[in-house]
Amino acid sequence: MSRVVATGMATGISLRWWAGSLAMGDAGTAAALVLIVLGCVLQWRAQHPAPR
């Protein structure tokens, strides 16, 4: 799980830098957090398939 978190953090930091260069401020932070959470959810779903 720590590997997923580390990957999410690294992705979020790079995305925050990229978004921050476009629009300085909290928009980049919010986008990065959303993408980190989305990535974690998708990773969790991949490891825990929903019962059918």
PDB file of N, CA and C in Angstrom:
ATOM      1  N   MET A   1       0.832  -1.198   0.000  1.00  0.00           N
ATOM      2  CA  MET A   1       0.000   0.000   0.000  1.00  0.00           C
ATOM      3  C   MET A   1       0.867   1.248   0.000  1.00  0.00           C
ATOM      4  N   SER A   2       2.000   1.185   0.697  1.00  0.00           N
ATOM      5  CA  SER A   2       2.883   2.358   0.750  1.00  0.00           C
ATOM      6  C   SER A   2       3.413   2.699  -0.635  1.00  0.00           C
ATOM      7  N   ARG A   3       3.586   1.683  -1.472  1.00  0.00           N
ATOM      8  CA  ARG A   3       4.059   1.936  -2.837  1.00  0.00           C
ATOM      9  C   ARG A   3       3.010   2.716  -3.628  1.00  0.00           C
ATOM     10  N   VAL A   4       1.736   2.372  -3.432  1.00  0.00           N
ATOM     11  CA  VAL A   4       0.646   3.087  -4.106  1.00  0.00           C
ATOM     12  C   VAL A   4       0.609   4.535  -3.635  1.00  0.00           C
ATOM     13  N   VAL A   5       0.747   4.725  -2.325  1.00  0.00           N
ATOM     14  CA  VAL A   5       0.724   6.082  -1.773  1.00  0.00           C
ATOM     15  C   VAL A   5       1.898   6.890  -2.302  1.00  0.00           C
ATOM     16  N   ALA A   6       3.083   6.271  -2.344  1.00  0.00           N
ATOM     17  CA  ALA A   6       4.268   6.979  -2.833  1.00  0.00           C
ATOM     18  C   ALA A   6       4.098   7.358  -4.309  1.00  0.00           C
ATOM     19  N   THR A   7       3.559   6.448  -5.096  1.00  0.00           N
ATOM     20  CA  THR A   7       3.323   6.744  -6.510  1.00  0.00           C
ATOM     21  C   THR A   7       2.315   7.871  -6.639  1.00  0.00           C
ATOM     22  N   GLY A   8       1.256   7.807  -5.839  1.00  0.00           N
ATOM     23  CA  GLY A   8       0.240   8.863  -5.870  1.00  0.00           C
ATOM     24  C   GLY A   8       0.813  10.207  -5.474  1.00  0.00           C
ATOM     25  N   MET A   9       1.664  10.211  -4.458  1.00  0.00           N
ATOM     26  CA  MET A   9       2.265  11.467  -4.014  1.00  0.00           C
ATOM     27  C   MET A   9       3.182  12.032  -5.089  1.00  0.00           C
ATOM     28  N   ALA A  10       4.000  11.172  -5.691  1.00  0.00           N
ATOM     29  CA  ALA A  10       4.909  11.644  -6.741  1.00  0.00           C
ATOM     30  C   ALA A  10       4.119  12.186  -7.927  1.00  0.00           C
ATOM     31  N   THR A  11       3.061  11.481  -8.287  1.00  0.00           N
ATOM     32  CA  THR A  11       2.216  11.938  -9.391  1.00  0.00           C
ATOM     33  C   THR A  11       1.551  13.254  -9.027  1.00  0.00           C
ATOM     34  N   GLY A  12       1.052  13.334  -7.806  1.00  0.00           N
ATOM     35  CA  GLY A  12       0.385  14.556  -7.361  1.00  0.00           C
ATOM     36  C   GLY A  12       1.322  15.753  -7.330  1.00  0.00           C
ATOM     37  N   ILE A  13       2.557  15.520  -6.890  1.00  0.00           N
ATOM     38  CA  ILE A  13       3.524  16.622  -6.839  1.00  0.00           C
ATOM     39  C   ILE A  13       3.823  17.121  -8.253  1.00  0.00           C
ATOM     40  N   SER A  14       4.062  16.210  -9.185  1.00  0.00           N
ATOM     41  CA  SER A  14       4.366  16.629 -10.556  1.00  0.00           C
ATOM     42  C   SER A  14       3.153  17.297 -11.189  1.00  0.00           C
ATOM     43  N   LEU A  15       1.956  16.762 -10.909  1.00  0.00           N
ATOM     44  CA  LEU A  15       0.750  17.378 -11.464  1.00  0.00           C
ATOM     45  C   LEU A  15       0.508  18.729 -10.830  1.00  0.00           C
ATOM     46  N   ARG A  16       0.809  18.867  -9.550  1.00  0.00           N
ATOM     47  CA  ARG A  16       0.616  20.151  -8.890  1.00  0.00           C
ATOM     48  C   ARG A  16       1.576  21.188  -9.471  1.00  0.00           C
ATOM     49  N   TRP A  17       2.810  20.765  -9.747  1.00  0.00           N
ATOM     50  CA  TRP A  17       3.769  21.694 -10.360  1.00  0.00           C
ATOM     51  C   TRP A  17       3.279  22.119 -11.734  1.00  0.00           C
ATOM     52  N   TRP A  18       2.786  21.145 -12.524  1.00  0.00           N
ATOM     53  CA  TRP A  18       2.307  21.436 -13.868  1.00  0.00           C
ATOM     54  C   TRP A  18       1.083  22.332 -13.816  1.00  0.00           C
ATOM     55  N   ALA A  19       0.132  22.005 -12.954  1.00  0.00           N
ATOM     56  CA  ALA A  19      -1.084  22.811 -12.833  1.00  0.00           C
ATOM     57  C   ALA A  19      -0.751  24.183 -12.246  1.00  0.00           C
ATOM     58  N   GLY A  20       0.195  24.209 -11.306  1.00  0.00           N
ATOM     59  CA  GLY A  20       0.591  25.478 -10.699  1.00  0.00           C
ATOM     60  C   GLY A  20       1.231  26.413 -11.707  1.00  0.00           C
ATOM     61  N   SER A  21       1.940  25.849 -12.681  1.00  0.00           N
ATOM     62  CA  SER A  21       2.556  26.693 -13.698  1.00  0.00           C
ATOM     63  C   SER A  21       1.488  27.275 -14.624  1.00  0.00           C
ATOM     64  N   LEU A  22       0.352  26.583 -14.740  1.00  0.00           N
ATOM     65  CA  LEU A  22      -0.747  27.105 -15.557  1.00  0.00           C
ATOM     66  C   LEU A  22      -1.581  28.110 -14.766  1.00  0.00           C
ATOM     67  N   ALA A  23      -1.991  27.705 -13.576  1.00  0.00           N
ATOM     68  CA  ALA A  23      -2.845  28.574 -12.760  1.00  0.00           C
ATOM     69  C   ALA A  23      -2.348  28.507 -11.322  1.00  0.00           C
ATOM     70  N   MET A  24      -1.627  29.537 -10.901  1.00  0.00           N
ATOM     71  CA  MET A  24      -1.043  29.544  -9.569  1.00  0.00           C
ATOM     72  C   MET A  24      -2.145  29.465  -8.521  1.00  0.00           C
ATOM     73  N   GLY A  25      -1.856  28.747  -7.430  1.00  0.00           N
ATOM     74  CA  GLY A  25      -2.794  28.756  -6.313  1.00  0.00           C
ATOM     75  C   GLY A  25      -3.396  27.402  -6.012  1.00  0.00           C
ATOM     76  N   ASP A  26      -4.586  27.449  -5.441  1.00  0.00           N
ATOM     77  CA  ASP A  26      -5.191  26.245  -4.873  1.00  0.00           C
ATOM     78  C   ASP A  26      -5.787  25.329  -5.932  1.00  0.00           C
ATOM     79  N   ALA A  27      -5.996  25.826  -7.144  1.00  0.00           N
ATOM     80  CA  ALA A  27      -6.580  24.971  -8.184  1.00  0.00           C
ATOM     81  C   ALA A  27      -5.671  23.778  -8.466  1.00  0.00           C
ATOM     82  N   GLY A  28      -4.370  24.022  -8.527  1.00  0.00           N
ATOM     83  CA  GLY A  28      -3.430  22.927  -8.773  1.00  0.00           C
ATOM     84  C   GLY A  28      -3.429  21.928  -7.631  1.00  0.00           C
ATOM     85  N   THR A  29      -3.499  22.431  -6.401  1.00  0.00           N
ATOM     86  CA  THR A  29      -3.529  21.547  -5.241  1.00  0.00           C
ATOM     87  C   THR A  29      -4.786  20.692  -5.255  1.00  0.00           C
ATOM     88  N   ALA A  30      -5.918  21.315  -5.539  1.00  0.00           N
ATOM     89  CA  ALA A  30      -7.184  20.581  -5.557  1.00  0.00           C
ATOM     90  C   ALA A  30      -7.161  19.505  -6.640  1.00  0.00           C
ATOM     91  N   ALA A  31      -6.669  19.859  -7.823  1.00  0.00           N
ATOM     92  CA  ALA A  31      -6.612  18.887  -8.917  1.00  0.00           C
ATOM     93  C   ALA A  31      -5.700  17.724  -8.554  1.00  0.00           C
ATOM     94  N   ALA A  32      -4.561  18.022  -7.945  1.00  0.00           N
ATOM     95  CA  ALA A  32      -3.624  16.968  -7.559  1.00  0.00           C
ATOM     96  C   ALA A  32      -4.250  16.040  -6.526  1.00  0.00           C
ATOM     97  N   LEU A  33      -4.929  16.608  -5.534  1.00  0.00           N
ATOM     98  CA  LEU A  33      -5.567  15.786  -4.506  1.00  0.00           C
ATOM     99  C   LEU A  33      -6.647  14.902  -5.116  1.00  0.00           C
ATOM    100  N   VAL A  34      -7.440  15.461  -6.015  1.00  0.00           N
ATOM    101  CA  VAL A  34      -8.490  14.670  -6.668  1.00  0.00           C
ATOM    102  C   VAL A  34      -7.873  13.509  -7.439  1.00  0.00           C
ATOM    103  N   LEU A  35      -6.790  13.778  -8.164  1.00  0.00           N
ATOM    104  CA  LEU A  35      -6.153  12.725  -8.957  1.00  0.00           C
ATOM    105  C   LEU A  35      -5.508  11.668  -8.065  1.00  0.00           C
ATOM    106  N   ILE A  36      -4.937  12.084  -6.934  1.00  0.00           N
ATOM    107  CA  ILE A  36      -4.356  11.113  -6.001  1.00  0.00           C
ATOM    108  C   ILE A  36      -5.442  10.200  -5.458  1.00  0.00           C
ATOM    109  N   VAL A  37      -6.544  10.802  -5.025  1.00  0.00           N
ATOM    110  CA  VAL A  37      -7.647   9.996  -4.473  1.00  0.00           C
ATOM    111  C   VAL A  37      -8.203   9.066  -5.548  1.00  0.00           C
ATOM    112  N   LEU A  38      -8.394   9.593  -6.753  1.00  0.00           N
ATOM    113  CA  LEU A  38      -8.920   8.779  -7.844  1.00  0.00           C
ATOM    114  C   LEU A  38      -7.982   7.612  -8.148  1.00  0.00           C
ATOM    115  N   GLY A  39      -6.678   7.881  -8.178  1.00  0.00           N
ATOM    116  CA  GLY A  39      -5.703   6.826  -8.425  1.00  0.00           C
ATOM    117  C   GLY A  39      -5.733   5.753  -7.346  1.00  0.00           C
ATOM    118  N   CYS A  40      -5.853   6.175  -6.091  1.00  0.00           N
ATOM    119  CA  CYS A  40      -5.916   5.214  -4.985  1.00  0.00           C
ATOM    120  C   CYS A  40      -7.180   4.371  -5.078  1.00  0.00           C
ATOM    121  N   VAL A  41      -8.301   5.016  -5.414  1.00  0.00           N
ATOM    122  CA  VAL A  41      -9.564   4.282  -5.538  1.00  0.00           C
ATOM    123  C   VAL A  41      -9.477   3.263  -6.670  1.00  0.00           C
ATOM    124  N   LEU A  42      -8.930   3.683  -7.804  1.00  0.00           N
ATOM    125  CA  LEU A  42      -8.817   2.757  -8.935  1.00  0.00           C
ATOM    126  C   LEU A  42      -7.883   1.597  -8.605  1.00  0.00           C
ATOM    127  N   GLN A  43      -6.792   1.881  -7.895  1.00  0.00           N
ATOM    128  CA  GLN A  43      -5.854   0.832  -7.492  1.00  0.00           C
ATOM    129  C   GLN A  43      -6.548  -0.145  -6.549  1.00  0.00           C
ATOM    130  N   TRP A  44      -7.327   0.385  -5.597  1.00  0.00           N
ATOM    131  CA  TRP A  44      -8.033  -0.460  -4.630  1.00  0.00           C
ATOM    132  C   TRP A  44      -9.057  -1.321  -5.346  1.00  0.00           C
ATOM    133  N   ARG A  45      -9.787  -0.724  -6.291  1.00  0.00           N
ATOM    134  CA  ARG A  45     -10.801  -1.472  -7.047  1.00  0.00           C
ATOM    135  C   ARG A  45     -10.141  -2.594  -7.853  1.00  0.00           C
ATOM    136  N   ALA A  46      -8.940  -2.332  -8.384  1.00  0.00           N
ATOM    137  CA  ALA A  46      -8.248  -3.354  -9.155  1.00  0.00           C
ATOM    138  C   ALA A  46      -7.847  -4.527  -8.258  1.00  0.00           C
ATOM    139  N   GLN A  47      -7.507  -4.238  -7.009  1.00  0.00           N
ATOM    140  CA  GLN A  47      -7.088  -5.286  -6.078  1.00  0.00           C
ATOM    141  C   GLN A  47      -8.282  -5.971  -5.426  1.00  0.00           C
ATOM    142  N   HIS A  48      -9.431  -5.277  -5.351  1.00  0.00           N
ATOM    143  CA  HIS A  48     -10.630  -5.823  -4.704  1.00  0.00           C
ATOM    144  C   HIS A  48     -11.804  -5.726  -5.676  1.00  0.00           C
ATOM    145  N   PRO A  49     -11.904  -6.675  -6.596  1.00  0.00           N
ATOM    146  CA  PRO A  49     -13.003  -6.618  -7.563  1.00  0.00           C
ATOM    147  C   PRO A  49     -14.352  -6.700  -6.860  1.00  0.00           C
ATOM    148  N   ALA A  50     -15.311  -5.951  -7.379  1.00  0.00           N
ATOM    149  CA  ALA A  50     -16.645  -5.924  -6.762  1.00  0.00           C
ATOM    150  C   ALA A  50     -17.332  -7.278  -6.947  1.00  0.00           C
ATOM    151  N   PRO A  51     -18.007  -7.752  -5.915  1.00  0.00           N
ATOM    152  CA  PRO A  51     -18.759  -9.019  -6.057  1.00  0.00           C
ATOM    153  C   PRO A  51     -19.910  -8.845  -7.042  1.00  0.00           C
ATOM    154  N   ARG A  52     -20.117  -9.861  -7.870  1.00  0.00           N
ATOM    155  CA  ARG A  52     -21.188  -9.755  -8.871  1.00  0.00           C
ATOM    156  C   ARG A  52     -22.367 -10.619  -8.457  1.00  0.00           C
TER     157      ARG A  52
END
